[in-house]
Amino acid sequence: MNSSPISANNAPMSSFQILMVALCFFMNFNDGIDVLIVSFSSSEIIRAFDLSKSEMGYIFSAGLAGMTLGCFSLAPFADQYGRRKIFIISLVMVSIGMFGVAFSGAYLPILGWRFLTGLGIGGILPTITTTAAEYSNDKYRDFNVGLIQAGWPIGAILTGLLCADIIPVKGWQYAFFLAGCFSSGMTVLVFFLMKDSADFLTKKIEKQGVSVLMTQELKPNTWRLWLAAFFGFMTLYTVMSWVPTIAKDSGMPFELATYVGIALNLGAAIGSSSIGALGARFGLKKIQLLYMLSAFTLMQLYAFMDLYPALIFILVFGIGIFAQGGFNGIWPILSRIYPTSIRATGVGYTVGIGRLGAILGPAVFGVLADSHMSNSLLFILFSLPLLVMGLIIRTLPSNKL
């Protein structure tokens, strides 16, 4: 295997380039495990510590707060010091955080460990998007950037299957311990295999910070992307965090409610892997708006229809395809708009702003649920940001989309 950095161009992708994209996929796969394990474990954590839904919402939001800070603080350094270094630092944080939760015996330490885990994930997500774009040739760039996003829901699916089998027998702490072991293994793989791309190594390092995103050319797109990410993350993380608990509250047993979460993420994997290819053919802005309109419609059906288990699975599966698939159309858009020298900064700040919505969404959902707002009304309320995101992306003036 050629171990030297390779620049993306019109030539066929080499085995080394494919390996680098695969590492990005599996890092996102690992993030899916580390984020969604708390969702699949939420009903057991609530029972173990006698928590209210508001308190559980704060656990969700602690991880998201860490992700937000990681996007702002770690991801921009990838443009300055290299992608590989940020990956390693971030993965170490994630591993420590997962083991910390596994051995926690109280509510407050879990908040702290989830914050640390989120901090590491916040450094990884923008940087894998950047790295996959740099290692892909022109033909497969949009597809690969979309494909690595499918790693996240696939990791979540595995987590759901694992939790459904392990938690009833060995407890939720054991599931977190296994997730920590996987994160540690990813750290070792990245340490020995990952290299910075030639595109990064040959570009002049620019001044970092938000000012590089506010040039006359980039400013209109930057503001739109920040708003789109904020609204998209708000609904996306709310749905992912609360769907298993909502299903359990509706009378489903723990195992069946867990499979509802798996259906959501199976749909997300299909949507995420398809939007890049469809966007490359028909236009990213058009396809993303179509996905968001579809997700909005399905959430209205979920709110207004009398639901039985089979219909819940079908609707949640469709919501996964179009909500997360549509949201993940933002990653190839970001890779097209921001040049290599500031790409990690651009993606990092966009994700960071978006995470503010992700923090707000699950916490507000928990508070409203505790105030006895119906699940139907909650789904109507949280479907609206998806529509807003699709419309904002449609207004992007860039001719690259």
Protein backbone atom coordinates (compact mmCIF):
# COMPACT_ATOMS: atom_id res chain seq x y z
CA MET A 1 0.00 0.00 0.00
CA ASN A 2 1.25 3.44 -0.83
CA SER A 3 1.42 5.33 2.46
CA SER A 4 2.12 8.77 1.05
CA PRO A 5 -0.59 11.41 0.96
CA ILE A 6 -2.57 11.50 -2.26
CA SER A 7 -4.36 14.46 -3.76
CA ALA A 8 -7.92 14.12 -5.02
CA ASN A 9 -8.27 14.60 -8.79
CA ASN A 10 -10.03 13.11 -11.77
CA ALA A 11 -8.07 9.84 -11.62
CA PRO A 12 -9.66 6.69 -10.16
CA MET A 13 -9.45 6.53 -6.39
CA SER A 14 -6.48 4.53 -5.09
CA SER A 15 -6.66 1.93 -2.32
CA PHE A 16 -5.07 4.45 0.04
CA GLN A 17 -7.73 7.06 -0.69
CA ILE A 18 -10.45 4.47 -0.16
CA LEU A 19 -8.85 3.50 3.17
CA MET A 20 -8.87 7.13 4.34
CA VAL A 21 -12.56 7.53 3.41
CA ALA A 22 -13.29 4.22 5.17
CA LEU A 23 -11.59 5.48 8.34
CA CYS A 24 -13.82 8.57 8.20
CA PHE A 25 -16.85 6.30 7.81
CA PHE A 26 -15.92 4.22 10.85
CA MET A 27 -15.17 7.29 12.97
CA ASN A 28 -18.69 8.48 12.20
CA PHE A 29 -19.93 4.95 12.90
CA ASN A 30 -18.26 5.24 16.30
CA ASP A 31 -19.89 8.64 16.88
CA GLY A 32 -23.28 7.08 16.15
CA ILE A 33 -22.64 4.54 18.89
CA ASP A 34 -21.45 7.12 21.39
CA VAL A 35 -24.29 9.60 20.80
CA LEU A 36 -27.25 7.22 20.48
CA ILE A 37 -26.31 4.84 23.28
CA VAL A 38 -27.67 7.37 25.77
CA SER A 39 -30.95 7.52 23.83
CA PHE A 40 -31.38 3.74 23.81
CA SER A 41 -30.42 3.62 27.50
CA SER A 42 -32.53 6.61 28.55
CA SER A 43 -35.50 4.74 30.01
CA GLU A 44 -33.16 2.60 32.15
CA ILE A 45 -31.12 5.62 33.27
CA ILE A 46 -34.35 7.38 34.25
CA ARG A 47 -35.37 4.33 36.29
CA ALA A 48 -31.93 3.83 37.87
CA PHE A 49 -31.65 7.39 39.20
CA ASP A 50 -35.37 8.23 39.48
CA LEU A 51 -35.05 11.11 37.00
CA SER A 52 -37.71 13.30 35.46
CA LYS A 53 -37.84 13.73 31.70
CA SER A 54 -36.43 17.23 32.15
CA GLU A 55 -33.39 15.81 33.97
CA MET A 56 -32.92 13.20 31.23
CA GLY A 57 -33.14 16.01 28.71
CA TYR A 58 -30.22 17.69 30.45
CA ILE A 59 -28.14 14.53 29.98
CA PHE A 60 -28.90 14.65 26.26
CA SER A 61 -28.06 18.34 26.18
CA ALA A 62 -24.81 17.94 28.16
CA GLY A 63 -23.40 15.82 25.35
CA LEU A 64 -24.65 18.28 22.77
CA ALA A 65 -23.13 21.21 24.67
CA GLY A 66 -19.79 19.42 24.55
CA MET A 67 -20.21 18.84 20.82
CA THR A 68 -20.89 22.52 20.30
CA LEU A 69 -17.75 23.57 22.14
CA GLY A 70 -15.75 20.92 20.28
CA CYS A 71 -16.93 22.24 16.92
CA PHE A 72 -15.87 25.78 17.84
CA SER A 73 -12.65 24.94 19.68
CA LEU A 74 -11.21 21.73 18.19
CA ALA A 75 -12.37 21.59 14.56
CA PRO A 76 -10.81 24.93 13.48
CA PHE A 77 -7.43 23.70 14.74
CA ALA A 78 -7.62 20.94 12.11
CA ASP A 79 -6.98 23.64 9.49
CA GLN A 80 -3.92 24.79 11.39
CA TYR A 81 -2.32 21.68 12.93
CA GLY A 82 -3.68 18.86 10.78
CA ARG A 83 -6.68 16.57 10.65
CA ARG A 84 -4.89 13.53 12.14
CA LYS A 85 -3.89 15.26 15.39
CA ILE A 86 -7.43 16.47 16.01
CA PHE A 87 -8.83 13.00 15.34
CA ILE A 88 -6.52 11.42 17.92
CA ILE A 89 -7.16 14.03 20.62
CA SER A 90 -10.91 13.85 20.04
CA LEU A 91 -11.06 10.05 20.10
CA VAL A 92 -9.14 9.94 23.39
CA MET A 93 -11.73 12.32 24.91
CA VAL A 94 -14.59 10.18 23.63
CA SER A 95 -13.06 6.98 25.02
CA ILE A 96 -12.51 8.48 28.47
CA GLY A 97 -16.04 9.90 28.53
CA MET A 98 -17.66 6.57 27.64
CA PHE A 99 -15.73 4.67 30.31
CA GLY A 100 -16.58 7.45 32.78
CA VAL A 101 -20.32 6.98 32.26
CA ALA A 102 -19.93 3.20 32.52
CA PHE A 103 -18.50 3.53 36.03
CA SER A 104 -20.72 6.40 37.22
CA GLY A 105 -23.03 5.83 40.16
CA ALA A 106 -24.79 9.20 40.25
CA TYR A 107 -26.58 11.70 38.02
CA LEU A 108 -24.14 14.63 38.12
CA PRO A 109 -21.01 12.68 37.06
CA ILE A 110 -22.93 11.40 34.03
CA LEU A 111 -23.55 15.00 32.97
CA GLY A 112 -19.79 15.70 33.13
CA TRP A 113 -18.75 12.56 31.27
CA ARG A 114 -21.33 13.15 28.54
CA PHE A 115 -20.00 16.69 28.14
CA LEU A 116 -16.46 15.32 27.66
CA THR A 117 -17.70 12.72 25.18
CA GLY A 118 -19.52 15.43 23.25
CA LEU A 119 -16.40 17.60 23.22
CA GLY A 120 -14.51 14.86 21.41
CA ILE A 121 -17.34 14.14 18.98
CA GLY A 122 -17.50 17.86 18.20
CA GLY A 123 -13.91 17.72 17.00
CA ILE A 124 -14.49 14.63 14.87
CA LEU A 125 -17.65 15.34 12.85
CA PRO A 126 -16.51 18.47 10.96
CA THR A 127 -13.06 16.99 10.39
CA ILE A 128 -14.23 13.71 8.86
CA THR A 129 -16.34 15.65 6.36
CA THR A 130 -13.32 17.73 5.41
CA THR A 131 -10.98 14.73 5.21
CA ALA A 132 -13.34 12.62 3.09
CA ALA A 133 -13.78 15.51 0.65
CA GLU A 134 -10.01 15.97 0.34
CA TYR A 135 -9.32 12.29 -0.29
CA SER A 136 -12.12 11.84 -2.85
CA ASN A 137 -11.81 12.41 -6.57
CA ASP A 138 -14.21 14.75 -8.34
CA LYS A 139 -16.50 11.93 -9.50
CA TYR A 140 -17.16 10.47 -6.05
CA ARG A 141 -16.72 13.47 -3.75
CA ASP A 142 -20.41 14.20 -3.11
CA PHE A 143 -21.20 10.49 -2.87
CA ASN A 144 -18.38 9.81 -0.40
CA VAL A 145 -19.21 12.80 1.79
CA GLY A 146 -22.80 11.56 1.92
CA LEU A 147 -21.74 7.95 2.42
CA ILE A 148 -19.62 8.62 5.51
CA GLN A 149 -22.66 10.28 7.10
CA ALA A 150 -24.42 6.91 6.83
CA GLY A 151 -21.84 5.55 9.27
CA TRP A 152 -23.56 7.47 12.06
CA PRO A 153 -27.01 5.83 11.79
CA ILE A 154 -25.46 2.42 11.05
CA GLY A 155 -23.53 2.76 14.31
CA ALA A 156 -26.78 3.73 15.98
CA ILE A 157 -28.51 0.64 14.56
CA LEU A 158 -25.80 -1.61 15.98
CA THR A 159 -26.14 0.22 19.30
CA GLY A 160 -29.88 -0.37 19.36
CA LEU A 161 -29.47 -4.09 18.67
CA LEU A 162 -26.76 -4.31 21.32
CA CYS A 163 -28.81 -2.42 23.90
CA ALA A 164 -31.92 -4.50 23.25
CA ASP A 165 -29.98 -7.68 24.05
CA ILE A 166 -27.48 -6.53 26.67
CA ILE A 167 -29.25 -3.95 28.83
CA PRO A 168 -32.03 -6.27 30.09
CA VAL A 169 -29.37 -8.85 31.06
CA LYS A 170 -26.22 -6.95 32.08
CA GLY A 171 -27.43 -3.37 32.55
CA TRP A 172 -26.91 -0.08 30.77
CA GLN A 173 -23.42 0.49 32.26
CA TYR A 174 -22.07 -2.56 30.45
CA ALA A 175 -23.29 -1.17 27.12
CA PHE A 176 -21.33 2.05 27.77
CA PHE A 177 -18.25 0.00 28.69
CA LEU A 178 -18.35 -1.87 25.36
CA ALA A 179 -18.78 1.43 23.51
CA GLY A 180 -15.70 2.79 25.29
CA CYS A 181 -13.72 -0.25 24.15
CA PHE A 182 -14.74 0.36 20.53
CA SER A 183 -13.75 4.03 20.74
CA SER A 184 -10.36 3.02 22.13
CA GLY A 185 -9.88 0.63 19.22
CA MET A 186 -10.69 3.41 16.75
CA THR A 187 -8.09 5.61 18.44
CA VAL A 188 -5.41 2.97 17.80
CA LEU A 189 -6.43 2.52 14.14
CA VAL A 190 -6.39 6.25 13.44
CA PHE A 191 -3.03 6.66 15.18
CA PHE A 192 -1.36 4.09 12.93
CA LEU A 193 -3.25 4.51 9.63
CA MET A 194 -4.53 8.09 9.22
CA LYS A 195 -2.43 10.66 7.32
CA ASP A 196 -3.14 14.26 6.37
CA SER A 197 -4.04 14.76 2.72
CA ALA A 198 -1.78 16.35 0.14
CA ASP A 199 -4.46 19.00 -0.40
CA PHE A 200 -4.09 20.07 3.22
CA LEU A 201 -0.29 19.77 3.34
CA THR A 202 0.21 21.90 0.22
CA LYS A 203 -2.25 24.68 1.10
CA LYS A 204 -1.13 27.84 2.78
CA ILE A 205 -2.37 27.94 6.38
CA GLU A 206 -4.73 30.87 6.74
CA LYS A 207 -5.64 32.92 9.78
CA GLN A 208 -8.23 30.96 11.73
CA GLY A 209 -11.44 32.29 13.21
CA VAL A 210 -14.85 33.33 12.07
CA SER A 211 -13.49 36.26 10.02
CA VAL A 212 -12.28 33.90 7.27
CA LEU A 213 -15.90 32.85 6.73
CA MET A 214 -17.17 36.41 6.45
CA THR A 215 -15.51 37.56 3.25
CA GLN A 216 -17.71 39.27 0.69
CA GLU A 217 -17.95 36.05 -1.31
CA LEU A 218 -18.67 33.66 1.57
CA LYS A 219 -20.72 35.76 4.00
CA PRO A 220 -24.17 35.28 2.37
CA ASN A 221 -23.74 31.51 2.31
CA THR A 222 -22.24 31.37 5.80
CA TRP A 223 -25.23 33.05 7.44
CA ARG A 224 -27.70 30.83 5.60
CA LEU A 225 -25.79 27.66 6.43
CA TRP A 226 -25.64 28.58 10.12
CA LEU A 227 -29.39 29.15 10.28
CA ALA A 228 -30.13 25.97 8.32
CA ALA A 229 -27.91 23.89 10.61
CA PHE A 230 -29.50 25.41 13.73
CA PHE A 231 -33.04 24.50 12.68
CA GLY A 232 -32.08 21.11 11.25
CA PHE A 233 -30.14 19.99 14.31
CA MET A 234 -32.97 21.16 16.58
CA THR A 235 -35.43 18.64 15.17
CA LEU A 236 -32.95 15.92 14.24
CA TYR A 237 -31.50 15.50 17.71
CA THR A 238 -34.87 15.84 19.40
CA VAL A 239 -36.33 13.01 17.34
CA MET A 240 -33.27 10.78 17.73
CA SER A 241 -33.06 11.38 21.47
CA TRP A 242 -36.69 10.88 22.39
CA VAL A 243 -38.20 8.39 19.91
CA PRO A 244 -37.35 5.22 21.93
CA THR A 245 -38.70 6.75 25.15
CA ILE A 246 -41.89 7.96 23.40
CA ALA A 247 -42.42 4.47 22.02
CA LYS A 248 -41.94 2.92 25.47
CA ASP A 249 -44.34 5.45 27.02
CA SER A 250 -46.97 4.42 24.44
CA GLY A 251 -47.00 0.95 25.96
CA MET A 252 -44.33 -0.86 23.96
CA PRO A 253 -41.96 -3.15 25.89
CA PHE A 254 -38.33 -2.00 26.15
CA GLU A 255 -37.05 -4.30 23.38
CA LEU A 256 -39.76 -3.27 20.89
CA ALA A 257 -39.32 0.43 21.70
CA THR A 258 -35.60 0.01 21.04
CA TYR A 259 -36.38 -1.42 17.61
CA VAL A 260 -38.37 1.73 16.82
CA GLY A 261 -35.12 3.65 17.33
CA ILE A 262 -33.37 1.14 15.09
CA ALA A 263 -36.00 1.70 12.36
CA LEU A 264 -35.35 5.45 12.57
CA ASN A 265 -31.62 4.94 12.08
CA LEU A 266 -32.03 2.34 9.35
CA GLY A 267 -34.00 4.91 7.41
CA ALA A 268 -31.34 7.50 8.22
CA ALA A 269 -28.62 5.24 6.80
CA ILE A 270 -30.54 4.88 3.53
CA GLY A 271 -31.30 8.58 3.29
CA SER A 272 -27.77 9.66 4.17
CA SER A 273 -26.11 7.36 1.64
CA SER A 274 -28.49 8.37 -1.16
CA ILE A 275 -28.69 12.15 -0.93
CA GLY A 276 -25.13 12.80 -2.08
CA ALA A 277 -25.57 10.75 -5.25
CA LEU A 278 -29.01 12.20 -5.99
CA GLY A 279 -27.78 15.72 -5.26
CA ALA A 280 -24.85 15.31 -7.65
CA ARG A 281 -27.29 14.35 -10.41
CA PHE A 282 -30.29 16.61 -9.78
CA GLY A 283 -28.89 19.43 -7.62
CA LEU A 284 -28.31 19.38 -3.88
CA LYS A 285 -30.63 22.28 -3.09
CA LYS A 286 -33.59 20.73 -4.90
CA ILE A 287 -33.10 17.25 -3.46
CA GLN A 288 -32.63 18.49 0.08
CA LEU A 289 -35.84 20.55 -0.06
CA LEU A 290 -37.71 17.51 -1.39
CA TYR A 291 -36.39 15.38 1.48
CA MET A 292 -37.36 17.98 4.07
CA LEU A 293 -40.87 18.39 2.67
CA SER A 294 -41.27 14.61 2.84
CA ALA A 295 -40.03 14.49 6.45
CA PHE A 296 -42.37 17.34 7.41
CA THR A 297 -45.33 15.49 5.88
CA LEU A 298 -44.51 12.21 7.63
CA MET A 299 -44.23 13.95 11.00
CA GLN A 300 -47.68 15.47 10.44
CA LEU A 301 -49.06 12.00 9.72
CA TYR A 302 -47.41 10.71 12.90
CA ALA A 303 -49.10 13.49 14.85
CA PHE A 304 -52.61 13.15 13.41
CA MET A 305 -53.09 9.44 12.71
CA ASP A 306 -54.23 6.73 15.10
CA LEU A 307 -51.07 4.66 15.37
CA TYR A 308 -50.55 0.95 15.87
CA PRO A 309 -47.07 -0.64 16.15
CA ALA A 310 -46.61 -1.54 12.46
CA LEU A 311 -47.58 1.97 11.34
CA ILE A 312 -45.27 3.53 13.93
CA PHE A 313 -42.37 1.53 12.47
CA ILE A 314 -43.22 2.57 8.90
CA LEU A 315 -43.57 6.27 9.71
CA VAL A 316 -40.45 6.38 11.87
CA PHE A 317 -38.49 4.57 9.14
CA GLY A 318 -39.63 7.17 6.60
CA ILE A 319 -38.83 10.04 8.96
CA GLY A 320 -35.33 8.61 9.28
CA ILE A 321 -34.86 8.51 5.51
CA PHE A 322 -36.00 12.04 4.84
CA ALA A 323 -35.19 13.96 8.05
CA GLN A 324 -31.65 12.75 8.66
CA GLY A 325 -31.00 12.00 5.00
CA GLY A 326 -32.15 15.49 4.06
CA PHE A 327 -30.18 17.09 6.85
CA ASN A 328 -27.02 15.27 5.79
CA GLY A 329 -27.22 16.96 2.42
CA ILE A 330 -25.60 19.91 4.18
CA TRP A 331 -22.21 18.13 4.30
CA PRO A 332 -21.52 17.95 0.54
CA ILE A 333 -22.85 21.51 0.32
CA LEU A 334 -20.28 22.66 2.89
CA SER A 335 -17.48 20.78 1.14
CA ARG A 336 -18.30 22.59 -2.11
CA ILE A 337 -18.66 26.08 -0.65
CA TYR A 338 -15.57 26.27 1.58
CA PRO A 339 -12.04 25.86 0.11
CA THR A 340 -9.55 23.37 1.57
CA SER A 341 -7.57 25.95 3.56
CA ILE A 342 -10.60 26.94 5.68
CA ARG A 343 -12.90 23.95 5.18
CA ALA A 344 -12.63 22.48 8.68
CA THR A 345 -13.21 25.96 10.12
CA GLY A 346 -16.27 26.45 7.92
CA VAL A 347 -17.73 23.07 8.74
CA GLY A 348 -16.81 23.41 12.43
CA TYR A 349 -18.53 26.75 12.90
CA THR A 350 -21.60 25.61 10.97
CA VAL A 351 -21.91 22.47 13.08
CA GLY A 352 -21.21 24.48 16.24
CA ILE A 353 -24.05 26.90 15.52
CA GLY A 354 -26.23 23.93 14.62
CA ARG A 355 -25.44 22.24 17.92
CA LEU A 356 -27.01 25.18 19.73
CA GLY A 357 -30.27 24.04 18.17
CA ALA A 358 -29.44 20.46 19.12
CA ILE A 359 -28.95 21.50 22.74
CA LEU A 360 -32.17 23.49 22.79
CA GLY A 361 -34.38 20.92 21.08
CA PRO A 362 -34.17 17.85 23.38
CA ALA A 363 -34.20 20.02 26.52
CA VAL A 364 -37.31 21.95 25.41
CA PHE A 365 -38.98 18.70 24.36
CA GLY A 366 -38.39 17.26 27.84
CA VAL A 367 -39.76 20.35 29.57
CA LEU A 368 -42.86 20.42 27.34
CA ALA A 369 -43.41 16.69 27.85
CA ASP A 370 -43.26 17.19 31.62
CA SER A 371 -45.88 19.93 31.24
CA HIS A 372 -48.18 17.26 29.73
CA MET A 373 -48.11 18.54 26.15
CA SER A 374 -49.26 15.67 23.95
CA ASN A 375 -46.81 13.77 21.76
CA SER A 376 -48.94 14.70 18.73
CA LEU A 377 -48.56 18.42 19.37
CA LEU A 378 -44.85 17.98 20.08
CA PHE A 379 -44.33 16.27 16.71
CA ILE A 380 -46.19 19.08 14.93
CA LEU A 381 -44.06 21.69 16.69
CA PHE A 382 -40.75 19.99 15.97
CA SER A 383 -41.54 19.26 12.32
CA LEU A 384 -41.51 22.97 11.47
CA PRO A 385 -37.72 23.52 11.72
CA LEU A 386 -37.15 20.87 9.02
CA LEU A 387 -39.29 22.86 6.61
CA VAL A 388 -37.43 26.04 7.51
CA MET A 389 -34.05 24.37 6.91
CA GLY A 390 -35.06 23.12 3.46
CA LEU A 391 -36.30 26.56 2.42
CA ILE A 392 -33.12 28.28 3.66
CA ILE A 393 -30.86 25.87 1.74
CA ARG A 394 -32.97 26.47 -1.37
CA THR A 395 -32.10 30.19 -1.21
CA LEU A 396 -28.31 29.66 -1.24
CA PRO A 397 -26.97 31.88 -4.04
CA SER A 398 -23.96 29.66 -4.79
CA ASN A 399 -23.73 28.39 -8.37
CA LYS A 400 -21.86 25.29 -7.12
CA LEU A 401 -25.04 23.59 -5.92
